Amino acid sequence: MLQGIDPNKVKFADGSNNQLQSLQVTGVNIASDGKSAVLTLNQSLNANATFGSSSPVSVKLYADEGAVSLTNGAKSAQLAASSGAALVDKVKPSLASTDPIVIKTGTTDTIEVVFDEAIAFNSSVANDLVVKVNGEVLDLVAGDFTVADGTSGDAKFEIKVVKSGIVGVSNITVELKDGRYVLDQATTPNRANAFTATSLKSGQTLTEQTAPTAPSAGNFVLDGTGAKIVVGSSNVTPSEKVKLQYVMVNTGGGAPASSVTPEGTTANFVSSFVAGAELFTGLSTSGKDVYVRYIDEAGNVSYWIKIN
C-alpha cells in the first residue's frame, strides 16, 4: 500500500517528452485504503486533460526514482518521460457552482443551463429534464418547452419556455434526471452528473413570448348596423387568457402591421367570449375594413384578422 509520494519527484511532460516545468504537484492526499492518491496541481488542466490556453498540449506524468514509497519499504523506480502515463479526463461535467440556471441575456423566455466545462449538445436531453413553473411540470410532449444549443461547443444548453400565460415568474426550477445525453469533450466523453431541482437565479423572472392563436373567421363580427363589434354565434375560447383589440383601415388597404396602435382594447383578460356579447360600440365603419387580434398577458399579439 502507498506510504507516501514525494511531490518534488513527480513531473509532467508534453507529447514530445518535453518537461512542463510550470506544472507542479503542490499537494498529495493518499486514500485511507492506501490504494490510490489525489495529486493537487499548481495550475488547472483543461477539461480534456490538456494543459495550456493558447496552444494546449497533451500531458504525461513521469517520476524520478523514489517518488513513491510503499508501506513495505519499497520505493518506485524511475519512470522516464518517454514512458510516462498519459493523463485522461475522467471528470464528469457538473452543474456550474455559480448561476447555473439563468435567463439568457436579451430574452425573457429562454433559460440557460450552465455546466462547469464545455459540453456536446444532444437534443434528446429534453427527455431527461423536469422543468417546473410555479410548481407545475411543463409537458414536453405538449410542446410547453423546447431545448437548443445556443452556441456550439460552450458549456450551456438552452430551454425555451413556450407555454402560454407565464408572465414575470421567478419560481422556476430545472432538474436533470440522467446525464446520459450531456457529454464533455474528452477523447472518451464523460457523462454529466445528474442534478436535482435547481432554482432560477435570484432576482430573475421568466415571461413567455409565444403569440396567442389568432381568432378564426366568424369568431367576431360587425352587427347589422356596422357600428358594433360583437362575438359571433358561438362562444369563443382562445388558446390562453387574452384581450381583444381592433383597428380600422381604408377599404382595400390590406392588413395593418403588428406595430399599428389599436383603436380599442377590451377591459379584461378573459378565457372565453360569450356568443353575441357586444365588445366595441359607436364605430364608424363606412369605407373601412375592420381587423381584430388578441393580446395576451405577456403582451404578445396574434396577427390581425379582417371581420367585414
Protein backbone atom coordinates (compact mmCIF):
# COMPACT_ATOMS: atom_id res chain seq x y z
CA MET A 1 0.00 0.00 0.00
CA LEU A 2 1.05 3.59 -0.53
CA GLN A 3 3.09 5.16 2.23
CA GLY A 4 3.96 8.46 0.62
CA ILE A 5 4.53 10.38 -2.61
CA ASP A 6 7.27 12.98 -2.96
CA PRO A 7 5.65 15.85 -4.93
CA ASN A 8 9.07 17.15 -5.98
CA LYS A 9 9.78 13.91 -7.82
CA VAL A 10 6.53 13.80 -9.77
CA LYS A 11 6.79 15.64 -13.08
CA PHE A 12 4.84 16.28 -16.24
CA ALA A 13 5.74 16.30 -19.93
CA ASP A 14 4.01 17.09 -23.20
CA GLY A 15 3.51 14.64 -26.05
CA SER A 16 7.07 15.28 -27.27
CA ASN A 17 8.51 14.37 -23.84
CA ASN A 18 9.39 17.98 -23.04
CA GLN A 19 9.03 18.74 -19.34
CA LEU A 20 6.22 21.12 -18.45
CA GLN A 21 8.19 22.96 -15.81
CA SER A 22 5.35 25.30 -14.91
CA LEU A 23 3.09 22.37 -13.95
CA GLN A 24 3.86 21.04 -10.48
CA VAL A 25 2.36 18.93 -7.70
CA THR A 26 1.58 21.04 -4.63
CA GLY A 27 -0.33 18.53 -2.53
CA VAL A 28 -0.78 14.79 -2.03
CA ASN A 29 -3.76 13.05 -0.43
CA ILE A 30 -3.46 9.27 -0.06
CA ALA A 31 -6.73 7.35 0.23
CA SER A 32 -7.47 5.61 3.54
CA ASP A 33 -7.11 2.17 1.91
CA GLY A 34 -3.66 3.13 0.61
CA LYS A 35 -4.53 2.11 -2.93
CA SER A 36 -4.77 5.50 -4.61
CA ALA A 37 -3.85 9.14 -4.18
CA VAL A 38 -5.09 12.52 -5.33
CA LEU A 39 -2.46 14.98 -6.55
CA THR A 40 -3.20 18.70 -6.33
CA LEU A 41 -1.53 20.80 -9.03
CA ASN A 42 -0.44 24.42 -9.00
CA GLN A 43 -2.41 25.06 -12.19
CA SER A 44 -5.63 23.66 -13.60
CA LEU A 45 -5.70 21.31 -16.54
CA ASN A 46 -8.21 21.86 -19.31
CA ALA A 47 -11.44 19.89 -19.32
CA ASN A 48 -9.96 17.29 -21.70
CA ALA A 49 -6.80 16.83 -19.58
CA THR A 50 -4.65 19.04 -21.79
CA PHE A 51 -2.56 21.93 -20.49
CA GLY A 52 -2.27 25.50 -21.73
CA SER A 53 -4.69 28.03 -23.15
CA SER A 54 -3.33 29.33 -26.45
CA SER A 55 -1.84 26.04 -27.72
CA PRO A 56 -2.99 23.23 -25.40
CA VAL A 57 -0.79 20.14 -25.22
CA SER A 58 -1.42 16.60 -24.06
CA VAL A 59 0.09 15.75 -20.68
CA LYS A 60 2.06 12.74 -19.44
CA LEU A 61 3.07 12.01 -15.86
CA TYR A 62 6.57 10.70 -15.13
CA ALA A 63 8.67 10.47 -11.99
CA ASP A 64 12.18 10.35 -10.60
CA GLU A 65 13.39 7.29 -8.75
CA GLY A 66 11.88 7.01 -5.27
CA ALA A 67 8.89 9.23 -5.99
CA VAL A 68 6.52 6.65 -4.50
CA SER A 69 7.15 4.74 -1.27
CA LEU A 70 5.14 1.74 -0.06
CA THR A 71 4.34 0.58 3.46
CA ASN A 72 6.66 -2.43 2.98
CA GLY A 73 9.60 -0.09 2.46
CA ALA A 74 9.82 -0.45 -1.30
CA LYS A 75 10.31 2.61 -3.48
CA SER A 76 9.41 3.19 -7.10
CA ALA A 77 11.91 3.06 -9.93
CA GLN A 78 12.43 5.92 -12.31
CA LEU A 79 9.66 6.44 -14.86
CA ALA A 80 11.07 8.26 -17.88
CA ALA A 81 9.08 10.91 -19.71
CA SER A 82 9.11 8.77 -22.85
CA SER A 83 7.32 6.03 -20.89
CA GLY A 84 5.10 8.36 -18.90
CA ALA A 85 1.43 7.74 -18.23
CA ALA A 86 -0.87 9.86 -20.39
CA LEU A 87 -3.40 11.81 -18.35
CA VAL A 88 -7.02 11.08 -19.21
CA ASP A 89 -10.06 13.19 -18.38
CA LYS A 90 -12.37 11.10 -16.19
CA VAL A 91 -14.21 14.02 -14.60
CA LYS A 92 -17.93 14.26 -15.31
CA PRO A 93 -19.43 17.63 -16.23
CA SER A 94 -21.38 19.09 -13.34
CA LEU A 95 -23.76 21.99 -12.98
CA ALA A 96 -21.82 25.25 -12.57
CA SER A 97 -21.36 26.29 -8.95
CA THR A 98 -22.34 29.91 -9.67
CA ASP A 99 -25.53 30.94 -11.52
CA PRO A 100 -26.22 27.56 -13.13
CA ILE A 101 -29.83 28.36 -14.11
CA VAL A 102 -30.23 31.82 -15.63
CA ILE A 103 -32.33 33.74 -18.14
CA LYS A 104 -30.43 34.15 -21.41
CA THR A 105 -29.30 37.72 -21.97
CA GLY A 106 -31.57 39.57 -24.37
CA THR A 107 -34.52 37.20 -23.85
CA THR A 108 -37.32 36.76 -21.34
CA ASP A 109 -38.40 33.23 -22.23
CA THR A 110 -35.14 31.27 -22.55
CA ILE A 111 -33.29 29.55 -19.70
CA GLU A 112 -29.60 28.72 -19.91
CA VAL A 113 -28.41 25.59 -18.08
CA VAL A 114 -24.72 26.15 -17.37
CA PHE A 115 -22.12 23.45 -16.67
CA ASP A 116 -18.57 23.69 -15.35
CA GLU A 117 -16.99 22.69 -18.67
CA ALA A 118 -17.76 22.63 -22.37
CA ILE A 119 -20.34 20.06 -23.43
CA ALA A 120 -21.57 18.43 -26.63
CA PHE A 121 -25.26 19.17 -27.14
CA ASN A 122 -27.83 16.45 -27.81
CA SER A 123 -31.47 17.44 -28.16
CA SER A 124 -32.53 14.17 -26.52
CA VAL A 125 -31.59 15.75 -23.19
CA ALA A 126 -35.11 17.20 -23.22
CA ASN A 127 -36.44 13.76 -22.29
CA ASP A 128 -34.46 13.79 -19.04
CA LEU A 129 -35.43 17.30 -17.91
CA VAL A 130 -38.06 18.26 -15.37
CA VAL A 131 -38.91 21.94 -15.80
CA LYS A 132 -41.32 23.44 -13.29
CA VAL A 133 -43.04 26.83 -13.30
CA ASN A 134 -44.69 27.72 -10.01
CA GLY A 135 -44.54 24.03 -9.15
CA GLU A 136 -46.27 22.89 -12.35
CA VAL A 137 -44.31 20.45 -14.51
CA LEU A 138 -44.06 21.61 -18.12
CA ASP A 139 -45.13 18.98 -20.65
CA LEU A 140 -42.51 18.30 -23.31
CA VAL A 141 -44.91 16.25 -25.45
CA ALA A 142 -47.48 19.06 -25.40
CA GLY A 143 -44.81 21.49 -26.58
CA ASP A 144 -44.56 23.50 -23.36
CA PHE A 145 -40.79 23.88 -23.86
CA THR A 146 -38.02 23.15 -26.34
CA VAL A 147 -34.27 22.70 -25.99
CA ALA A 148 -31.47 24.02 -28.18
CA ASP A 149 -27.73 24.52 -28.35
CA GLY A 150 -27.23 28.28 -28.20
CA THR A 151 -23.52 28.31 -29.06
CA SER A 152 -21.84 25.12 -30.24
CA GLY A 153 -19.00 23.94 -28.03
CA ASP A 154 -19.76 26.08 -24.99
CA ALA A 155 -20.79 24.95 -21.50
CA LYS A 156 -24.52 25.60 -21.89
CA PHE A 157 -27.73 24.44 -23.42
CA GLU A 158 -30.99 26.37 -23.61
CA ILE A 159 -34.58 25.72 -22.61
CA LYS A 160 -37.16 27.90 -24.33
CA VAL A 161 -40.47 28.05 -22.48
CA VAL A 162 -43.37 28.16 -24.93
CA LYS A 163 -46.33 27.50 -22.64
CA SER A 164 -48.70 30.45 -22.66
CA GLY A 165 -49.71 32.53 -19.66
CA ILE A 166 -46.31 32.63 -17.93
CA VAL A 167 -45.62 36.24 -17.05
CA GLY A 168 -42.93 37.51 -14.68
CA VAL A 169 -42.50 34.18 -12.87
CA SER A 170 -39.45 33.73 -10.64
CA ASN A 171 -40.36 30.30 -9.23
CA ILE A 172 -38.65 28.27 -11.94
CA THR A 173 -36.72 25.04 -11.33
CA VAL A 174 -34.82 22.68 -13.62
CA GLU A 175 -33.86 19.08 -12.82
CA LEU A 176 -31.73 16.68 -14.86
CA LYS A 177 -32.74 13.11 -14.07
CA ASP A 178 -29.96 11.48 -16.09
CA GLY A 179 -26.77 12.87 -17.63
CA ARG A 180 -26.62 10.35 -20.48
CA TYR A 181 -27.16 12.99 -23.19
CA VAL A 182 -24.84 15.64 -21.72
CA LEU A 183 -21.25 14.71 -22.54
CA ASP A 184 -18.00 16.59 -22.18
CA GLN A 185 -15.43 16.94 -24.95
CA ALA A 186 -12.87 14.47 -23.65
CA THR A 187 -11.43 11.93 -26.10
CA THR A 188 -13.62 9.37 -24.35
CA PRO A 189 -16.56 11.57 -23.34
CA ASN A 190 -17.80 11.56 -19.76
CA ARG A 191 -21.50 11.69 -18.97
CA ALA A 192 -22.62 14.62 -16.87
CA ASN A 193 -23.73 14.28 -13.28
CA ALA A 194 -27.50 14.45 -12.91
CA PHE A 195 -28.78 17.22 -10.65
CA THR A 196 -31.85 17.80 -8.52
CA ALA A 197 -34.31 20.66 -8.93
CA THR A 198 -32.25 23.86 -9.14
CA SER A 199 -33.84 27.30 -8.98
CA LEU A 200 -33.61 30.19 -11.39
CA LYS A 201 -31.09 32.85 -10.35
CA SER A 202 -32.50 35.10 -7.65
CA GLY A 203 -34.00 38.31 -8.97
CA GLN A 204 -34.68 36.95 -12.45
CA THR A 205 -38.11 36.21 -13.92
CA LEU A 206 -39.42 34.41 -16.98
CA THR A 207 -42.06 35.66 -19.39
CA GLU A 208 -43.15 33.63 -22.41
CA GLN A 209 -43.02 35.20 -25.86
CA THR A 210 -45.46 32.95 -27.70
CA ALA A 211 -48.16 34.73 -29.68
CA PRO A 212 -51.73 33.63 -28.96
CA THR A 213 -53.55 31.76 -31.71
CA ALA A 214 -55.39 34.29 -33.89
CA PRO A 215 -59.20 34.47 -33.94
CA SER A 216 -60.95 32.34 -36.53
CA ALA A 217 -63.35 33.58 -39.17
CA GLY A 218 -66.75 34.24 -37.63
CA ASN A 219 -65.49 34.47 -34.04
CA PHE A 220 -66.07 38.23 -34.08
CA VAL A 221 -68.33 40.15 -36.47
CA LEU A 222 -69.93 43.53 -37.06
CA ASP A 223 -73.56 43.78 -36.06
CA GLY A 224 -76.25 44.69 -38.58
CA THR A 225 -75.65 48.42 -38.15
CA GLY A 226 -71.90 48.14 -38.66
CA ALA A 227 -71.38 50.18 -35.52
CA LYS A 228 -70.59 47.35 -33.12
CA ILE A 229 -68.09 44.50 -32.88
CA VAL A 230 -69.81 41.52 -31.30
CA VAL A 231 -69.00 37.90 -30.57
CA GLY A 232 -70.30 35.57 -33.28
CA SER A 233 -73.00 32.94 -32.90
CA SER A 234 -70.88 30.62 -30.73
CA ASN A 235 -68.83 31.10 -27.59
CA VAL A 236 -65.15 31.75 -28.36
CA THR A 237 -62.39 30.10 -26.30
CA PRO A 238 -58.91 31.49 -27.09
CA SER A 239 -55.72 29.47 -26.60
CA GLU A 240 -54.98 31.47 -23.44
CA LYS A 241 -56.29 34.45 -21.49
CA VAL A 242 -56.48 37.43 -23.85
CA LYS A 243 -57.97 40.80 -24.58
CA LEU A 244 -59.42 41.66 -27.99
CA GLN A 245 -58.14 44.66 -29.95
CA TYR A 246 -59.44 46.28 -33.12
CA VAL A 247 -58.24 48.72 -35.74
CA MET A 248 -59.84 50.14 -38.90
CA VAL A 249 -58.09 50.85 -42.20
CA ASN A 250 -59.33 52.21 -45.51
CA THR A 251 -61.15 49.58 -47.53
CA GLY A 252 -58.72 47.52 -49.57
CA GLY A 253 -55.72 48.83 -47.68
CA GLY A 254 -54.67 45.38 -46.52
CA ALA A 255 -53.89 44.03 -43.09
CA PRO A 256 -52.18 46.52 -40.76
CA ALA A 257 -48.71 45.91 -39.40
CA SER A 258 -48.38 44.38 -35.95
CA SER A 259 -46.88 47.67 -34.75
CA VAL A 260 -50.06 49.64 -35.56
CA THR A 261 -51.66 51.09 -32.44
CA PRO A 262 -55.10 49.53 -31.89
CA GLU A 263 -58.12 51.83 -31.69
CA GLY A 264 -59.70 49.84 -28.89
CA THR A 265 -58.92 47.05 -26.41
CA THR A 266 -61.35 45.15 -24.20
CA ALA A 267 -61.03 45.81 -20.49
CA ASN A 268 -60.02 42.45 -19.02
CA PHE A 269 -58.05 39.34 -19.87
CA VAL A 270 -60.56 36.52 -20.29
CA SER A 271 -60.59 32.81 -21.06
CA SER A 272 -63.73 32.98 -23.20
CA PHE A 273 -66.08 35.34 -25.02
CA VAL A 274 -69.83 34.76 -24.78
CA ALA A 275 -71.76 34.43 -28.02
CA GLY A 276 -73.49 37.67 -29.01
CA ALA A 277 -71.69 39.84 -26.46
CA GLU A 278 -71.04 43.44 -27.54
CA LEU A 279 -67.35 44.27 -27.27
CA PHE A 280 -66.99 47.64 -29.04
CA THR A 281 -69.70 50.16 -29.93
CA GLY A 282 -70.03 53.52 -31.66
CA LEU A 283 -67.83 52.62 -34.63
CA SER A 284 -67.99 54.42 -37.98
CA THR A 285 -67.09 51.63 -40.36
CA SER A 286 -68.24 53.09 -43.70
CA GLY A 287 -65.36 52.78 -46.18
CA LYS A 288 -63.33 50.86 -43.65
CA ASP A 289 -62.01 47.35 -43.22
CA VAL A 290 -62.17 46.25 -39.60
CA TYR A 291 -59.48 43.99 -38.15
CA VAL A 292 -59.24 42.30 -34.75
CA ARG A 293 -56.48 40.46 -32.92
CA TYR A 294 -55.68 39.02 -29.50
CA ILE A 295 -53.13 40.31 -26.99
CA ASP A 296 -52.10 38.05 -24.10
CA GLU A 297 -50.96 38.83 -20.57
CA ALA A 298 -47.32 38.86 -21.65
CA GLY A 299 -48.02 41.48 -24.32
CA ASN A 300 -47.73 39.03 -27.21
CA VAL A 301 -50.15 39.64 -30.08
CA SER A 302 -51.71 37.45 -32.75
CA TYR A 303 -51.94 38.60 -36.35
CA TRP A 304 -54.83 40.79 -37.47
CA ILE A 305 -58.00 39.14 -38.84
CA LYS A 306 -60.44 41.04 -41.08
CA ILE A 307 -64.04 40.70 -39.88
CA ASN A 308 -66.04 42.58 -42.55
